[in-house]
Amino acid sequence: MKNYYESNRIYKSRINRKVMGVCAGVAHHYGVEAWMVRLATVLAFLAFPPAILIAYIVATLLLPSR
């Protein structure tokens, strides 16, 4: 039997991915459209490039694929 942590985990998406699947996985987890998360990521990257780039790379390395 799966516990709450395993059933509610964020995964990288293999199906709806553009670069590495991080934005699509986050969008799926929160129940929003992937383009909205991608747009928010690009806008955040324009405001804080080093922080967002590091966060995206870390998420790419740490999130498992589904």
N, C-alpha and C. Protein backbone atom coordinates (compact mmCIF):
# COMPACT_ATOMS: atom_id res chain seq x y z
N MET A 1 0.84 -1.18 0.00
CA MET A 1 0.00 0.00 0.00
C MET A 1 0.88 1.24 0.00
N LYS A 2 0.61 2.16 -0.91
CA LYS A 2 1.41 3.38 -1.01
C LYS A 2 1.03 4.36 0.11
N ASN A 3 2.02 5.03 0.63
CA ASN A 3 1.71 6.06 1.60
C ASN A 3 1.48 7.39 0.89
N TYR A 4 1.13 8.43 1.65
CA TYR A 4 0.80 9.72 1.06
C TYR A 4 1.97 10.32 0.31
N TYR A 5 3.17 10.17 0.82
CA TYR A 5 4.35 10.75 0.19
C TYR A 5 4.58 10.16 -1.19
N GLU A 6 4.45 8.87 -1.34
CA GLU A 6 4.69 8.23 -2.63
C GLU A 6 3.60 8.55 -3.65
N SER A 7 2.37 8.71 -3.21
CA SER A 7 1.29 8.97 -4.15
C SER A 7 1.19 10.45 -4.53
N ASN A 8 1.79 11.34 -3.73
CA ASN A 8 1.68 12.77 -3.98
C ASN A 8 3.04 13.39 -4.32
N ARG A 9 3.91 12.64 -4.93
CA ARG A 9 5.26 13.08 -5.24
C ARG A 9 5.32 13.78 -6.59
N ILE A 10 6.26 14.71 -6.75
CA ILE A 10 6.45 15.39 -8.02
C ILE A 10 7.44 14.59 -8.86
N TYR A 11 7.08 14.33 -10.10
CA TYR A 11 7.92 13.59 -11.03
C TYR A 11 8.20 14.44 -12.26
N LYS A 12 9.28 14.14 -12.96
CA LYS A 12 9.50 14.73 -14.27
C LYS A 12 8.63 13.99 -15.27
N SER A 13 8.06 14.72 -16.20
CA SER A 13 7.19 14.11 -17.20
C SER A 13 8.01 13.70 -18.42
N ARG A 14 7.79 12.48 -18.88
CA ARG A 14 8.43 12.02 -20.11
C ARG A 14 7.58 12.33 -21.33
N ILE A 15 6.27 12.38 -21.14
CA ILE A 15 5.35 12.51 -22.26
C ILE A 15 5.20 13.96 -22.70
N ASN A 16 4.99 14.87 -21.76
CA ASN A 16 4.67 16.26 -22.08
C ASN A 16 5.87 17.18 -21.86
N ARG A 17 7.05 16.70 -22.13
CA ARG A 17 8.24 17.50 -21.86
C ARG A 17 8.70 18.29 -23.06
N LYS A 18 9.32 19.42 -22.78
CA LYS A 18 9.94 20.24 -23.83
C LYS A 18 11.45 20.19 -23.69
N VAL A 19 11.96 20.41 -22.48
CA VAL A 19 13.41 20.36 -22.26
C VAL A 19 13.74 19.12 -21.44
N MET A 20 13.43 19.14 -20.15
CA MET A 20 13.73 17.99 -19.29
C MET A 20 12.49 17.42 -18.60
N GLY A 21 11.34 18.06 -18.73
CA GLY A 21 10.11 17.55 -18.14
C GLY A 21 9.80 18.08 -16.76
N VAL A 22 10.61 18.99 -16.25
CA VAL A 22 10.40 19.51 -14.90
C VAL A 22 9.12 20.33 -14.83
N CYS A 23 8.94 21.27 -15.73
CA CYS A 23 7.75 22.13 -15.71
C CYS A 23 6.47 21.32 -15.92
N ALA A 24 6.50 20.36 -16.82
CA ALA A 24 5.32 19.52 -17.06
C ALA A 24 5.00 18.67 -15.84
N GLY A 25 6.02 18.18 -15.14
CA GLY A 25 5.79 17.40 -13.94
C GLY A 25 5.21 18.23 -12.81
N VAL A 26 5.71 19.44 -12.65
CA VAL A 26 5.18 20.35 -11.63
C VAL A 26 3.73 20.72 -11.97
N ALA A 27 3.47 20.99 -13.24
CA ALA A 27 2.11 21.32 -13.66
C ALA A 27 1.16 20.18 -13.39
N HIS A 28 1.57 18.97 -13.69
CA HIS A 28 0.72 17.80 -13.43
C HIS A 28 0.44 17.64 -11.94
N HIS A 29 1.46 17.85 -11.12
CA HIS A 29 1.31 17.70 -9.68
C HIS A 29 0.30 18.70 -9.11
N TYR A 30 0.35 19.94 -9.58
CA TYR A 30 -0.55 20.97 -9.05
C TYR A 30 -1.84 21.11 -9.84
N GLY A 31 -2.00 20.38 -10.92
CA GLY A 31 -3.24 20.39 -11.67
C GLY A 31 -3.46 21.62 -12.52
N VAL A 32 -2.39 22.18 -13.05
CA VAL A 32 -2.50 23.34 -13.94
C VAL A 32 -1.92 22.96 -15.31
N GLU A 33 -2.13 23.82 -16.28
CA GLU A 33 -1.60 23.58 -17.61
C GLU A 33 -0.08 23.76 -17.62
N ALA A 34 0.59 22.97 -18.40
CA ALA A 34 2.06 23.02 -18.46
C ALA A 34 2.56 24.36 -19.00
N TRP A 35 1.83 24.95 -19.94
CA TRP A 35 2.29 26.22 -20.51
C TRP A 35 2.30 27.32 -19.46
N MET A 36 1.42 27.24 -18.46
CA MET A 36 1.39 28.25 -17.41
C MET A 36 2.64 28.15 -16.53
N VAL A 37 3.05 26.94 -16.23
CA VAL A 37 4.26 26.75 -15.43
C VAL A 37 5.48 27.15 -16.24
N ARG A 38 5.49 26.82 -17.52
CA ARG A 38 6.62 27.22 -18.38
C ARG A 38 6.72 28.74 -18.49
N LEU A 39 5.60 29.41 -18.64
CA LEU A 39 5.59 30.87 -18.71
C LEU A 39 6.09 31.48 -17.40
N ALA A 40 5.64 30.96 -16.28
CA ALA A 40 6.10 31.46 -14.98
C ALA A 40 7.59 31.22 -14.80
N THR A 41 8.08 30.10 -15.29
CA THR A 41 9.51 29.81 -15.20
C THR A 41 10.33 30.78 -16.05
N VAL A 42 9.88 31.06 -17.25
CA VAL A 42 10.59 32.00 -18.12
C VAL A 42 10.58 33.40 -17.52
N LEU A 43 9.43 33.84 -17.01
CA LEU A 43 9.36 35.16 -16.39
C LEU A 43 10.24 35.25 -15.15
N ALA A 44 10.24 34.19 -14.35
CA ALA A 44 11.11 34.18 -13.17
C ALA A 44 12.58 34.16 -13.58
N PHE A 45 12.88 33.47 -14.67
CA PHE A 45 14.26 33.44 -15.16
C PHE A 45 14.72 34.82 -15.62
N LEU A 46 13.82 35.59 -16.22
CA LEU A 46 14.18 36.93 -16.65
C LEU A 46 14.45 37.84 -15.45
N ALA A 47 13.78 37.59 -14.33
CA ALA A 47 13.98 38.41 -13.14
C ALA A 47 15.17 37.95 -12.31
N PHE A 48 15.36 36.64 -12.17
CA PHE A 48 16.41 36.07 -11.32
C PHE A 48 17.14 34.95 -12.04
N PRO A 49 17.92 35.24 -13.06
CA PRO A 49 18.52 34.18 -13.89
C PRO A 49 19.37 33.16 -13.13
N PRO A 50 20.31 33.56 -12.28
CA PRO A 50 21.15 32.54 -11.64
C PRO A 50 20.36 31.61 -10.72
N ALA A 51 19.44 32.18 -9.95
CA ALA A 51 18.67 31.37 -9.00
C ALA A 51 17.77 30.36 -9.71
N ILE A 52 17.09 30.80 -10.75
CA ILE A 52 16.17 29.92 -11.47
C ILE A 52 16.94 28.85 -12.24
N LEU A 53 18.07 29.22 -12.82
CA LEU A 53 18.88 28.25 -13.55
C LEU A 53 19.40 27.17 -12.60
N ILE A 54 19.88 27.56 -11.45
CA ILE A 54 20.36 26.58 -10.46
C ILE A 54 19.21 25.71 -9.97
N ALA A 55 18.05 26.31 -9.69
CA ALA A 55 16.90 25.54 -9.23
C ALA A 55 16.43 24.54 -10.28
N TYR A 56 16.45 24.94 -11.55
CA TYR A 56 16.01 24.03 -12.62
C TYR A 56 17.00 22.87 -12.77
N ILE A 57 18.27 23.16 -12.69
CA ILE A 57 19.28 22.09 -12.80
C ILE A 57 19.17 21.13 -11.62
N VAL A 58 18.97 21.67 -10.42
CA VAL A 58 18.82 20.80 -9.24
C VAL A 58 17.57 19.95 -9.37
N ALA A 59 16.46 20.54 -9.81
CA ALA A 59 15.23 19.78 -10.00
C ALA A 59 15.41 18.69 -11.06
N THR A 60 16.14 19.00 -12.11
CA THR A 60 16.40 18.01 -13.15
C THR A 60 17.17 16.83 -12.60
N LEU A 61 18.13 17.09 -11.74
CA LEU A 61 18.96 16.02 -11.18
C LEU A 61 18.25 15.23 -10.10
N LEU A 62 17.39 15.87 -9.31
CA LEU A 62 16.80 15.21 -8.15
C LEU A 62 15.44 14.57 -8.40
N LEU A 63 14.65 15.13 -9.31
CA LEU A 63 13.31 14.57 -9.52
C LEU A 63 13.39 13.28 -10.33
N PRO A 64 12.68 12.25 -9.88
CA PRO A 64 12.66 11.01 -10.66
C PRO A 64 11.72 11.15 -11.86
N SER A 65 11.97 10.36 -12.88
CA SER A 65 11.09 10.34 -14.07
C SER A 65 9.92 9.43 -13.82
N ARG A 66 8.83 9.72 -14.47
CA ARG A 66 7.64 8.89 -14.34
C ARG A 66 7.31 8.30 -15.68
